[in-house]
mmCIF file of all heavy atoms, coordinates in Angstrom:
data_MODEL
# 
_entry.id   MODEL 
# 
loop_
_atom_site.group_PDB 
_atom_site.id 
_atom_site.type_symbol 
_atom_site.label_atom_id 
_atom_site.label_alt_id 
_atom_site.label_comp_id 
_atom_site.label_asym_id 
_atom_site.label_entity_id 
_atom_site.label_seq_id 
_atom_site.pdbx_PDB_ins_code 
_atom_site.Cartn_x 
_atom_site.Cartn_y 
_atom_site.Cartn_z 
_atom_site.occupancy 
_atom_site.B_iso_or_equiv 
_atom_site.pdbx_formal_charge 
_atom_site.auth_seq_id 
_atom_site.auth_comp_id 
_atom_site.auth_asym_id 
_atom_site.auth_atom_id 
_atom_site.pdbx_PDB_model_num 
ATOM 1   N N   . VAL A 1 1  ? 0.843  -1.197 0.000   1.00 0.00 ? 1  VAL A N   1 
ATOM 2   C CA  . VAL A 1 1  ? 0.000  0.000  0.000   1.00 0.00 ? 1  VAL A CA  1 
ATOM 3   C C   . VAL A 1 1  ? 0.876  1.245  0.000   1.00 0.00 ? 1  VAL A C   1 
ATOM 4   O O   . VAL A 1 1  ? 0.628  2.206  -0.727  1.00 0.00 ? 1  VAL A O   1 
ATOM 5   C CB  . VAL A 1 1  ? -0.943 -0.008 1.221   1.00 0.00 ? 1  VAL A CB  1 
ATOM 6   C CG1 . VAL A 1 1  ? -1.716 1.302  1.312   1.00 0.00 ? 1  VAL A CG1 1 
ATOM 7   C CG2 . VAL A 1 1  ? -1.893 -1.197 1.153   1.00 0.00 ? 1  VAL A CG2 1 
ATOM 8   N N   . SER A 1 2  ? 1.933  1.217  0.811   1.00 0.00 ? 2  SER A N   1 
ATOM 9   C CA  . SER A 1 2  ? 2.880  2.333  0.858   1.00 0.00 ? 2  SER A CA  1 
ATOM 10  C C   . SER A 1 2  ? 4.182  1.848  1.479   1.00 0.00 ? 2  SER A C   1 
ATOM 11  O O   . SER A 1 2  ? 4.222  0.818  2.148   1.00 0.00 ? 2  SER A O   1 
ATOM 12  C CB  . SER A 1 2  ? 2.316  3.515  1.660   1.00 0.00 ? 2  SER A CB  1 
ATOM 13  O OG  . SER A 1 2  ? 2.120  3.155  3.019   1.00 0.00 ? 2  SER A OG  1 
ATOM 14  N N   . VAL A 1 3  ? 5.231  2.620  1.243   1.00 0.00 ? 3  VAL A N   1 
ATOM 15  C CA  . VAL A 1 3  ? 6.553  2.323  1.786   1.00 0.00 ? 3  VAL A CA  1 
ATOM 16  C C   . VAL A 1 3  ? 7.166  3.626  2.290   1.00 0.00 ? 3  VAL A C   1 
ATOM 17  O O   . VAL A 1 3  ? 7.131  4.649  1.598   1.00 0.00 ? 3  VAL A O   1 
ATOM 18  C CB  . VAL A 1 3  ? 7.471  1.705  0.711   1.00 0.00 ? 3  VAL A CB  1 
ATOM 19  C CG1 . VAL A 1 3  ? 8.909  1.621  1.206   1.00 0.00 ? 3  VAL A CG1 1 
ATOM 20  C CG2 . VAL A 1 3  ? 6.974  0.320  0.306   1.00 0.00 ? 3  VAL A CG2 1 
ATOM 21  N N   . ASP A 1 4  ? 7.708  3.602  3.499   1.00 0.00 ? 4  ASP A N   1 
ATOM 22  C CA  . ASP A 1 4  ? 8.487  4.716  4.048   1.00 0.00 ? 4  ASP A CA  1 
ATOM 23  C C   . ASP A 1 4  ? 9.952  4.319  4.072   1.00 0.00 ? 4  ASP A C   1 
ATOM 24  O O   . ASP A 1 4  ? 10.287 3.199  4.489   1.00 0.00 ? 4  ASP A O   1 
ATOM 25  C CB  . ASP A 1 4  ? 8.050  5.054  5.477   1.00 0.00 ? 4  ASP A CB  1 
ATOM 26  C CG  . ASP A 1 4  ? 6.679  5.718  5.528   1.00 0.00 ? 4  ASP A CG  1 
ATOM 27  O OD1 . ASP A 1 4  ? 6.122  6.006  4.455   1.00 0.00 ? 4  ASP A OD1 1 
ATOM 28  O OD2 . ASP A 1 4  ? 6.167  5.916  6.641   1.00 0.00 ? 4  ASP A OD2 1 
ATOM 29  N N   . LEU A 1 5  ? 10.824 5.232  3.648   1.00 0.00 ? 5  LEU A N   1 
ATOM 30  C CA  . LEU A 1 5  ? 12.258 4.955  3.625   1.00 0.00 ? 5  LEU A CA  1 
ATOM 31  C C   . LEU A 1 5  ? 13.005 6.021  4.411   1.00 0.00 ? 5  LEU A C   1 
ATOM 32  O O   . LEU A 1 5  ? 12.727 7.219  4.273   1.00 0.00 ? 5  LEU A O   1 
ATOM 33  C CB  . LEU A 1 5  ? 12.776 4.914  2.186   1.00 0.00 ? 5  LEU A CB  1 
ATOM 34  C CG  . LEU A 1 5  ? 12.272 3.735  1.341   1.00 0.00 ? 5  LEU A CG  1 
ATOM 35  C CD1 . LEU A 1 5  ? 12.663 3.909  -0.112  1.00 0.00 ? 5  LEU A CD1 1 
ATOM 36  C CD2 . LEU A 1 5  ? 12.823 2.434  1.878   1.00 0.00 ? 5  LEU A CD2 1 
ATOM 37  N N   . PRO A 1 6  ? 13.989 5.603  5.236   1.00 0.00 ? 6  PRO A N   1 
ATOM 38  C CA  . PRO A 1 6  ? 14.681 6.548  6.121   1.00 0.00 ? 6  PRO A CA  1 
ATOM 39  C C   . PRO A 1 6  ? 15.892 7.201  5.458   1.00 0.00 ? 6  PRO A C   1 
ATOM 40  O O   . PRO A 1 6  ? 16.950 7.319  6.071   1.00 0.00 ? 6  PRO A O   1 
ATOM 41  C CB  . PRO A 1 6  ? 15.096 5.648  7.289   1.00 0.00 ? 6  PRO A CB  1 
ATOM 42  C CG  . PRO A 1 6  ? 15.394 4.348  6.630   1.00 0.00 ? 6  PRO A CG  1 
ATOM 43  C CD  . PRO A 1 6  ? 14.404 4.209  5.502   1.00 0.00 ? 6  PRO A CD  1 
ATOM 44  N N   . HIS A 1 7  ? 15.753 7.607  4.225   1.00 0.00 ? 7  HIS A N   1 
ATOM 45  C CA  . HIS A 1 7  ? 16.858 8.259  3.528   1.00 0.00 ? 7  HIS A CA  1 
ATOM 46  C C   . HIS A 1 7  ? 16.305 9.036  2.335   1.00 0.00 ? 7  HIS A C   1 
ATOM 47  O O   . HIS A 1 7  ? 15.112 8.968  2.036   1.00 0.00 ? 7  HIS A O   1 
ATOM 48  C CB  . HIS A 1 7  ? 17.905 7.245  3.071   1.00 0.00 ? 7  HIS A CB  1 
ATOM 49  C CG  . HIS A 1 7  ? 17.350 6.056  2.347   1.00 0.00 ? 7  HIS A CG  1 
ATOM 50  N ND1 . HIS A 1 7  ? 16.814 6.123  1.075   1.00 0.00 ? 7  HIS A ND1 1 
ATOM 51  C CD2 . HIS A 1 7  ? 17.220 4.755  2.722   1.00 0.00 ? 7  HIS A CD2 1 
ATOM 52  C CE1 . HIS A 1 7  ? 16.402 4.946  0.695   1.00 0.00 ? 7  HIS A CE1 1 
ATOM 53  N NE2 . HIS A 1 7  ? 16.622 4.092  1.675   1.00 0.00 ? 7  HIS A NE2 1 
ATOM 54  N N   . ARG A 1 8  ? 17.175 9.771  1.669   1.00 0.00 ? 8  ARG A N   1 
ATOM 55  C CA  . ARG A 1 8  ? 16.748 10.561 0.526   1.00 0.00 ? 8  ARG A CA  1 
ATOM 56  C C   . ARG A 1 8  ? 16.381 9.661  -0.652  1.00 0.00 ? 8  ARG A C   1 
ATOM 57  O O   . ARG A 1 8  ? 16.610 8.459  -0.623  1.00 0.00 ? 8  ARG A O   1 
ATOM 58  C CB  . ARG A 1 8  ? 17.848 11.539 0.120   1.00 0.00 ? 8  ARG A CB  1 
ATOM 59  C CG  . ARG A 1 8  ? 19.182 10.916 -0.189  1.00 0.00 ? 8  ARG A CG  1 
ATOM 60  C CD  . ARG A 1 8  ? 20.240 12.015 -0.343  1.00 0.00 ? 8  ARG A CD  1 
ATOM 61  N NE  . ARG A 1 8  ? 21.563 11.475 -0.627  1.00 0.00 ? 8  ARG A NE  1 
ATOM 62  C CZ  . ARG A 1 8  ? 22.424 11.075 0.291   1.00 0.00 ? 8  ARG A CZ  1 
ATOM 63  N NH1 . ARG A 1 8  ? 22.085 11.159 1.565   1.00 0.00 ? 8  ARG A NH1 1 
ATOM 64  N NH2 . ARG A 1 8  ? 23.606 10.598 -0.046  1.00 0.00 ? 8  ARG A NH2 1 
ATOM 65  N N   . ARG A 1 9  ? 15.848 10.266 -1.692  1.00 0.00 ? 9  ARG A N   1 
ATOM 66  C CA  . ARG A 1 9  ? 15.313 9.533  -2.835  1.00 0.00 ? 9  ARG A CA  1 
ATOM 67  C C   . ARG A 1 9  ? 16.383 8.678  -3.508  1.00 0.00 ? 9  ARG A C   1 
ATOM 68  O O   . ARG A 1 9  ? 17.514 9.119  -3.723  1.00 0.00 ? 9  ARG A O   1 
ATOM 69  C CB  . ARG A 1 9  ? 14.729 10.522 -3.848  1.00 0.00 ? 9  ARG A CB  1 
ATOM 70  C CG  . ARG A 1 9  ? 14.041 9.865  -5.039  1.00 0.00 ? 9  ARG A CG  1 
ATOM 71  C CD  . ARG A 1 9  ? 13.403 10.914 -5.921  1.00 0.00 ? 9  ARG A CD  1 
ATOM 72  N NE  . ARG A 1 9  ? 12.363 11.621 -5.191  1.00 0.00 ? 9  ARG A NE  1 
ATOM 73  C CZ  . ARG A 1 9  ? 11.109 11.205 -5.081  1.00 0.00 ? 9  ARG A CZ  1 
ATOM 74  N NH1 . ARG A 1 9  ? 10.746 10.066 -5.651  1.00 0.00 ? 9  ARG A NH1 1 
ATOM 75  N NH2 . ARG A 1 9  ? 10.224 11.903 -4.410  1.00 0.00 ? 9  ARG A NH2 1 
ATOM 76  N N   . LEU A 1 10 ? 16.005 7.445  -3.861  1.00 0.00 ? 10 LEU A N   1 
ATOM 77  C CA  . LEU A 1 10 ? 16.897 6.549  -4.580  1.00 0.00 ? 10 LEU A CA  1 
ATOM 78  C C   . LEU A 1 10 ? 17.126 7.058  -5.998  1.00 0.00 ? 10 LEU A C   1 
ATOM 79  O O   . LEU A 1 10 ? 16.228 7.595  -6.629  1.00 0.00 ? 10 LEU A O   1 
ATOM 80  C CB  . LEU A 1 10 ? 16.302 5.144  -4.652  1.00 0.00 ? 10 LEU A CB  1 
ATOM 81  C CG  . LEU A 1 10 ? 16.250 4.329  -3.361  1.00 0.00 ? 10 LEU A CG  1 
ATOM 82  C CD1 . LEU A 1 10 ? 15.337 3.130  -3.537  1.00 0.00 ? 10 LEU A CD1 1 
ATOM 83  C CD2 . LEU A 1 10 ? 17.634 3.877  -2.958  1.00 0.00 ? 10 LEU A CD2 1 
ATOM 84  N N   . ASP A 1 11 ? 18.340 6.862  -6.479  1.00 0.00 ? 11 ASP A N   1 
ATOM 85  C CA  . ASP A 1 11 ? 18.682 7.284  -7.840  1.00 0.00 ? 11 ASP A CA  1 
ATOM 86  C C   . ASP A 1 11 ? 18.415 6.145  -8.825  1.00 0.00 ? 11 ASP A C   1 
ATOM 87  O O   . ASP A 1 11 ? 19.234 5.818  -9.678  1.00 0.00 ? 11 ASP A O   1 
ATOM 88  C CB  . ASP A 1 11 ? 20.156 7.702  -7.899  1.00 0.00 ? 11 ASP A CB  1 
ATOM 89  C CG  . ASP A 1 11 ? 20.515 8.338  -9.237  1.00 0.00 ? 11 ASP A CG  1 
ATOM 90  O OD1 . ASP A 1 11 ? 19.581 8.813  -9.920  1.00 0.00 ? 11 ASP A OD1 1 
ATOM 91  O OD2 . ASP A 1 11 ? 21.701 8.329  -9.597  1.00 0.00 ? 11 ASP A OD2 1 
ATOM 92  N N   . CYS A 1 12 ? 17.261 5.514  -8.676  1.00 0.00 ? 12 CYS A N   1 
ATOM 93  C CA  . CYS A 1 12 ? 16.864 4.439  -9.609  1.00 0.00 ? 12 CYS A CA  1 
ATOM 94  C C   . CYS A 1 12 ? 15.346 4.337  -9.544  1.00 0.00 ? 12 CYS A C   1 
ATOM 95  O O   . CYS A 1 12 ? 14.796 3.343  -9.080  1.00 0.00 ? 12 CYS A O   1 
ATOM 96  C CB  . CYS A 1 12 ? 17.533 3.121  -9.273  1.00 0.00 ? 12 CYS A CB  1 
ATOM 97  S SG  . CYS A 1 12 ? 17.422 2.633  -7.544  1.00 0.00 ? 12 CYS A SG  1 
ATOM 98  N N   . ASN A 1 13 ? 14.699 5.384  -9.991  1.00 0.00 ? 13 ASN A N   1 
ATOM 99  C CA  . ASN A 1 13 ? 13.262 5.499  -9.817  1.00 0.00 ? 13 ASN A CA  1 
ATOM 100 C C   . ASN A 1 13 ? 12.484 4.384  -10.494 1.00 0.00 ? 13 ASN A C   1 
ATOM 101 O O   . ASN A 1 13 ? 11.512 3.869  -9.952  1.00 0.00 ? 13 ASN A O   1 
ATOM 102 C CB  . ASN A 1 13 ? 12.783 6.865  -10.333 1.00 0.00 ? 13 ASN A CB  1 
ATOM 103 C CG  . ASN A 1 13 ? 13.263 8.006  -9.469  1.00 0.00 ? 13 ASN A CG  1 
ATOM 104 O OD1 . ASN A 1 13 ? 13.543 7.813  -8.292  1.00 0.00 ? 13 ASN A OD1 1 
ATOM 105 N ND2 . ASN A 1 13 ? 13.371 9.188  -10.040 1.00 0.00 ? 13 ASN A ND2 1 
ATOM 106 N N   . GLU A 1 14 ? 12.890 4.001  -11.720 1.00 0.00 ? 14 GLU A N   1 
ATOM 107 C CA  . GLU A 1 14 ? 12.133 2.987  -12.450 1.00 0.00 ? 14 GLU A CA  1 
ATOM 108 C C   . GLU A 1 14 ? 12.187 1.644  -11.732 1.00 0.00 ? 14 GLU A C   1 
ATOM 109 O O   . GLU A 1 14 ? 11.160 0.993  -11.527 1.00 0.00 ? 14 GLU A O   1 
ATOM 110 C CB  . GLU A 1 14 ? 12.678 2.847  -13.870 1.00 0.00 ? 14 GLU A CB  1 
ATOM 111 C CG  . GLU A 1 14 ? 11.868 1.874  -14.722 1.00 0.00 ? 14 GLU A CG  1 
ATOM 112 C CD  . GLU A 1 14 ? 12.348 1.821  -16.153 1.00 0.00 ? 14 GLU A CD  1 
ATOM 113 O OE1 . GLU A 1 14 ? 13.169 2.676  -16.540 1.00 0.00 ? 14 GLU A OE1 1 
ATOM 114 O OE2 . GLU A 1 14 ? 11.908 0.915  -16.879 1.00 0.00 ? 14 GLU A OE2 1 
ATOM 115 N N   . ALA A 1 15 ? 13.388 1.220  -11.331 1.00 0.00 ? 15 ALA A N   1 
ATOM 116 C CA  . ALA A 1 15 ? 13.522 -0.049 -10.615 1.00 0.00 ? 15 ALA A CA  1 
ATOM 117 C C   . ALA A 1 15 ? 12.815 0.011  -9.270  1.00 0.00 ? 15 ALA A C   1 
ATOM 118 O O   . ALA A 1 15 ? 12.167 -0.953 -8.843  1.00 0.00 ? 15 ALA A O   1 
ATOM 119 C CB  . ALA A 1 15 ? 14.997 -0.396 -10.435 1.00 0.00 ? 15 ALA A CB  1 
ATOM 120 N N   . GLY A 1 16 ? 12.941 1.146  -8.592  1.00 0.00 ? 16 GLY A N   1 
ATOM 121 C CA  . GLY A 1 16 ? 12.273 1.294  -7.301  1.00 0.00 ? 16 GLY A CA  1 
ATOM 122 C C   . GLY A 1 16 ? 10.766 1.220  -7.428  1.00 0.00 ? 16 GLY A C   1 
ATOM 123 O O   . GLY A 1 16 ? 10.084 0.632  -6.583  1.00 0.00 ? 16 GLY A O   1 
ATOM 124 N N   . LEU A 1 17 ? 10.231 1.798  -8.498  1.00 0.00 ? 17 LEU A N   1 
ATOM 125 C CA  . LEU A 1 17 ? 8.790  1.772  -8.712  1.00 0.00 ? 17 LEU A CA  1 
ATOM 126 C C   . LEU A 1 17 ? 8.297  0.342  -8.904  1.00 0.00 ? 17 LEU A C   1 
ATOM 127 O O   . LEU A 1 17 ? 7.239  -0.050 -8.399  1.00 0.00 ? 17 LEU A O   1 
ATOM 128 C CB  . LEU A 1 17 ? 8.436  2.621  -9.936  1.00 0.00 ? 17 LEU A CB  1 
ATOM 129 C CG  . LEU A 1 17 ? 6.948  2.782  -10.248 1.00 0.00 ? 17 LEU A CG  1 
ATOM 130 C CD1 . LEU A 1 17 ? 6.247  3.542  -9.139  1.00 0.00 ? 17 LEU A CD1 1 
ATOM 131 C CD2 . LEU A 1 17 ? 6.757  3.507  -11.581 1.00 0.00 ? 17 LEU A CD2 1 
ATOM 132 N N   . LEU A 1 18 ? 9.072  -0.475 -9.620  1.00 0.00 ? 18 LEU A N   1 
ATOM 133 C CA  . LEU A 1 18 ? 8.688  -1.856 -9.859  1.00 0.00 ? 18 LEU A CA  1 
ATOM 134 C C   . LEU A 1 18 ? 8.660  -2.667 -8.563  1.00 0.00 ? 18 LEU A C   1 
ATOM 135 O O   . LEU A 1 18 ? 7.856  -3.583 -8.416  1.00 0.00 ? 18 LEU A O   1 
ATOM 136 C CB  . LEU A 1 18 ? 9.649  -2.511 -10.856 1.00 0.00 ? 18 LEU A CB  1 
ATOM 137 C CG  . LEU A 1 18 ? 9.575  -2.004 -12.298 1.00 0.00 ? 18 LEU A CG  1 
ATOM 138 C CD1 . LEU A 1 18 ? 10.687 -2.629 -13.131 1.00 0.00 ? 18 LEU A CD1 1 
ATOM 139 C CD2 . LEU A 1 18 ? 8.215  -2.314 -12.912 1.00 0.00 ? 18 LEU A CD2 1 
ATOM 140 N N   . VAL A 1 19 ? 9.545  -2.343 -7.632  1.00 0.00 ? 19 VAL A N   1 
ATOM 141 C CA  . VAL A 1 19 ? 9.618  -3.102 -6.381  1.00 0.00 ? 19 VAL A CA  1 
ATOM 142 C C   . VAL A 1 19 ? 8.694  -2.531 -5.322  1.00 0.00 ? 19 VAL A C   1 
ATOM 143 O O   . VAL A 1 19 ? 7.897  -3.257 -4.712  1.00 0.00 ? 19 VAL A O   1 
ATOM 144 C CB  . VAL A 1 19 ? 11.065 -3.124 -5.848  1.00 0.00 ? 19 VAL A CB  1 
ATOM 145 C CG1 . VAL A 1 19 ? 11.130 -3.861 -4.511  1.00 0.00 ? 19 VAL A CG1 1 
ATOM 146 C CG2 . VAL A 1 19 ? 11.998 -3.783 -6.855  1.00 0.00 ? 19 VAL A CG2 1 
ATOM 147 N N   . PHE A 1 20 ? 8.757  -1.235 -5.091  1.00 0.00 ? 20 PHE A N   1 
ATOM 148 C CA  . PHE A 1 20 ? 8.055  -0.624 -3.964  1.00 0.00 ? 20 PHE A CA  1 
ATOM 149 C C   . PHE A 1 20 ? 6.647  -0.161 -4.307  1.00 0.00 ? 20 PHE A C   1 
ATOM 150 O O   . PHE A 1 20 ? 5.822  0.013  -3.416  1.00 0.00 ? 20 PHE A O   1 
ATOM 151 C CB  . PHE A 1 20 ? 8.843  0.585  -3.443  1.00 0.00 ? 20 PHE A CB  1 
ATOM 152 C CG  . PHE A 1 20 ? 10.247 0.270  -3.027  1.00 0.00 ? 20 PHE A CG  1 
ATOM 153 C CD1 . PHE A 1 20 ? 11.274 1.145  -3.308  1.00 0.00 ? 20 PHE A CD1 1 
ATOM 154 C CD2 . PHE A 1 20 ? 10.543 -0.904 -2.359  1.00 0.00 ? 20 PHE A CD2 1 
ATOM 155 C CE1 . PHE A 1 20 ? 12.581 0.861  -2.915  1.00 0.00 ? 20 PHE A CE1 1 
ATOM 156 C CE2 . PHE A 1 20 ? 11.837 -1.203 -1.974  1.00 0.00 ? 20 PHE A CE2 1 
ATOM 157 C CZ  . PHE A 1 20 ? 12.861 -0.315 -2.261  1.00 0.00 ? 20 PHE A CZ  1 
ATOM 158 N N   . GLY A 1 21 ? 6.372  0.076  -5.588  1.00 0.00 ? 21 GLY A N   1 
ATOM 159 C CA  . GLY A 1 21 ? 5.089  0.653  -5.965  1.00 0.00 ? 21 GLY A CA  1 
ATOM 160 C C   . GLY A 1 21 ? 5.165  2.165  -5.986  1.00 0.00 ? 21 GLY A C   1 
ATOM 161 O O   . GLY A 1 21 ? 6.209  2.766  -5.723  1.00 0.00 ? 21 GLY A O   1 
ATOM 162 N N   . PRO A 1 22 ? 4.056  2.843  -6.278  1.00 0.00 ? 22 PRO A N   1 
ATOM 163 C CA  . PRO A 1 22 ? 4.081  4.293  -6.480  1.00 0.00 ? 22 PRO A CA  1 
ATOM 164 C C   . PRO A 1 22 ? 4.044  5.127  -5.212  1.00 0.00 ? 22 PRO A C   1 
ATOM 165 O O   . PRO A 1 22 ? 4.361  6.312  -5.248  1.00 0.00 ? 22 PRO A O   1 
ATOM 166 C CB  . PRO A 1 22 ? 2.822  4.537  -7.323  1.00 0.00 ? 22 PRO A CB  1 
ATOM 167 C CG  . PRO A 1 22 ? 1.882  3.440  -6.902  1.00 0.00 ? 22 PRO A CG  1 
ATOM 168 C CD  . PRO A 1 22 ? 2.742  2.247  -6.612  1.00 0.00 ? 22 PRO A CD  1 
ATOM 169 N N   . ARG A 1 23 ? 3.641  4.534  -4.099  1.00 0.00 ? 23 ARG A N   1 
ATOM 170 C CA  . ARG A 1 23 ? 3.455  5.328  -2.883  1.00 0.00 ? 23 ARG A CA  1 
ATOM 171 C C   . ARG A 1 23 ? 4.672  5.164  -1.958  1.00 0.00 ? 23 ARG A C   1 
ATOM 172 O O   . ARG A 1 23 ? 4.659  4.377  -1.026  1.00 0.00 ? 23 ARG A O   1 
ATOM 173 C CB  . ARG A 1 23 ? 2.171  4.918  -2.174  1.00 0.00 ? 23 ARG A CB  1 
ATOM 174 C CG  . ARG A 1 23 ? 0.919  5.126  -3.006  1.00 0.00 ? 23 ARG A CG  1 
ATOM 175 C CD  . ARG A 1 23 ? -0.335 4.767  -2.223  1.00 0.00 ? 23 ARG A CD  1 
ATOM 176 N NE  . ARG A 1 23 ? -1.524 4.918  -3.038  1.00 0.00 ? 23 ARG A NE  1 
ATOM 177 C CZ  . ARG A 1 23 ? -2.042 3.958  -3.807  1.00 0.00 ? 23 ARG A CZ  1 
ATOM 178 N NH1 . ARG A 1 23 ? -1.440 2.761  -3.822  1.00 0.00 ? 23 ARG A NH1 1 
ATOM 179 N NH2 . ARG A 1 23 ? -3.111 4.170  -4.531  1.00 0.00 ? 23 ARG A NH2 1 
ATOM 180 N N   . VAL A 1 24 ? 5.704  5.930  -2.242  1.00 0.00 ? 24 VAL A N   1 
ATOM 181 C CA  . VAL A 1 24 ? 6.942  5.874  -1.469  1.00 0.00 ? 24 VAL A CA  1 
ATOM 182 C C   . VAL A 1 24 ? 7.202  7.237  -0.858  1.00 0.00 ? 24 VAL A C   1 
ATOM 183 O O   . VAL A 1 24 ? 7.135  8.264  -1.550  1.00 0.00 ? 24 VAL A O   1 
ATOM 184 C CB  . VAL A 1 24 ? 8.145  5.459  -2.351  1.00 0.00 ? 24 VAL A CB  1 
ATOM 185 C CG1 . VAL A 1 24 ? 9.408  5.374  -1.509  1.00 0.00 ? 24 VAL A CG1 1 
ATOM 186 C CG2 . VAL A 1 24 ? 7.877  4.128  -3.027  1.00 0.00 ? 24 VAL A CG2 1 
ATOM 187 N N   . ARG A 1 25 ? 7.477  7.250  0.427   1.00 0.00 ? 25 ARG A N   1 
ATOM 188 C CA  . ARG A 1 25 ? 7.837  8.488  1.120   1.00 0.00 ? 25 ARG A CA  1 
ATOM 189 C C   . ARG A 1 25 ? 9.269  8.369  1.618   1.00 0.00 ? 25 ARG A C   1 
ATOM 190 O O   . ARG A 1 25 ? 9.614  7.388  2.287   1.00 0.00 ? 25 ARG A O   1 
ATOM 191 C CB  . ARG A 1 25 ? 6.890  8.747  2.294   1.00 0.00 ? 25 ARG A CB  1 
ATOM 192 C CG  . ARG A 1 25 ? 5.441  8.934  1.885   1.00 0.00 ? 25 ARG A CG  1 
ATOM 193 C CD  . ARG A 1 25 ? 4.579  9.386  3.046   1.00 0.00 ? 25 ARG A CD  1 
ATOM 194 N NE  . ARG A 1 25 ? 4.588  8.412  4.143   1.00 0.00 ? 25 ARG A NE  1 
ATOM 195 C CZ  . ARG A 1 25 ? 3.963  8.594  5.306   1.00 0.00 ? 25 ARG A CZ  1 
ATOM 196 N NH1 . ARG A 1 25 ? 3.300  9.725  5.528   1.00 0.00 ? 25 ARG A NH1 1 
ATOM 197 N NH2 . ARG A 1 25 ? 3.992  7.661  6.237   1.00 0.00 ? 25 ARG A NH2 1 
ATOM 198 N N   . TYR A 1 26 ? 10.071 9.355  1.283   1.00 0.00 ? 26 TYR A N   1 
ATOM 199 C CA  . TYR A 1 26 ? 11.465 9.364  1.698   1.00 0.00 ? 26 TYR A CA  1 
ATOM 200 C C   . TYR A 1 26 ? 11.648 10.281 2.911   1.00 0.00 ? 26 TYR A C   1 
ATOM 201 O O   . TYR A 1 26 ? 10.725 10.951 3.359   1.00 0.00 ? 26 TYR A O   1 
ATOM 202 C CB  . TYR A 1 26 ? 12.354 9.833  0.541   1.00 0.00 ? 26 TYR A CB  1 
ATOM 203 C CG  . TYR A 1 26 ? 12.365 8.893  -0.631  1.00 0.00 ? 26 TYR A CG  1 
ATOM 204 C CD1 . TYR A 1 26 ? 11.462 9.041  -1.685  1.00 0.00 ? 26 TYR A CD1 1 
ATOM 205 C CD2 . TYR A 1 26 ? 13.261 7.836  -0.681  1.00 0.00 ? 26 TYR A CD2 1 
ATOM 206 C CE1 . TYR A 1 26 ? 11.469 8.162  -2.756  1.00 0.00 ? 26 TYR A CE1 1 
ATOM 207 C CE2 . TYR A 1 26 ? 13.272 6.955  -1.759  1.00 0.00 ? 26 TYR A CE2 1 
ATOM 208 C CZ  . TYR A 1 26 ? 12.372 7.124  -2.791  1.00 0.00 ? 26 TYR A CZ  1 
ATOM 209 O OH  . TYR A 1 26 ? 12.387 6.251  -3.840  1.00 0.00 ? 26 TYR A OH  1 
# 
């Protein structure tokens, strides 16, 4: 449903989107 990450935005948005989905908060 959503993912929270304890760091700044990953420099691999496409791969991250495939794994984490669209609802990511950094």
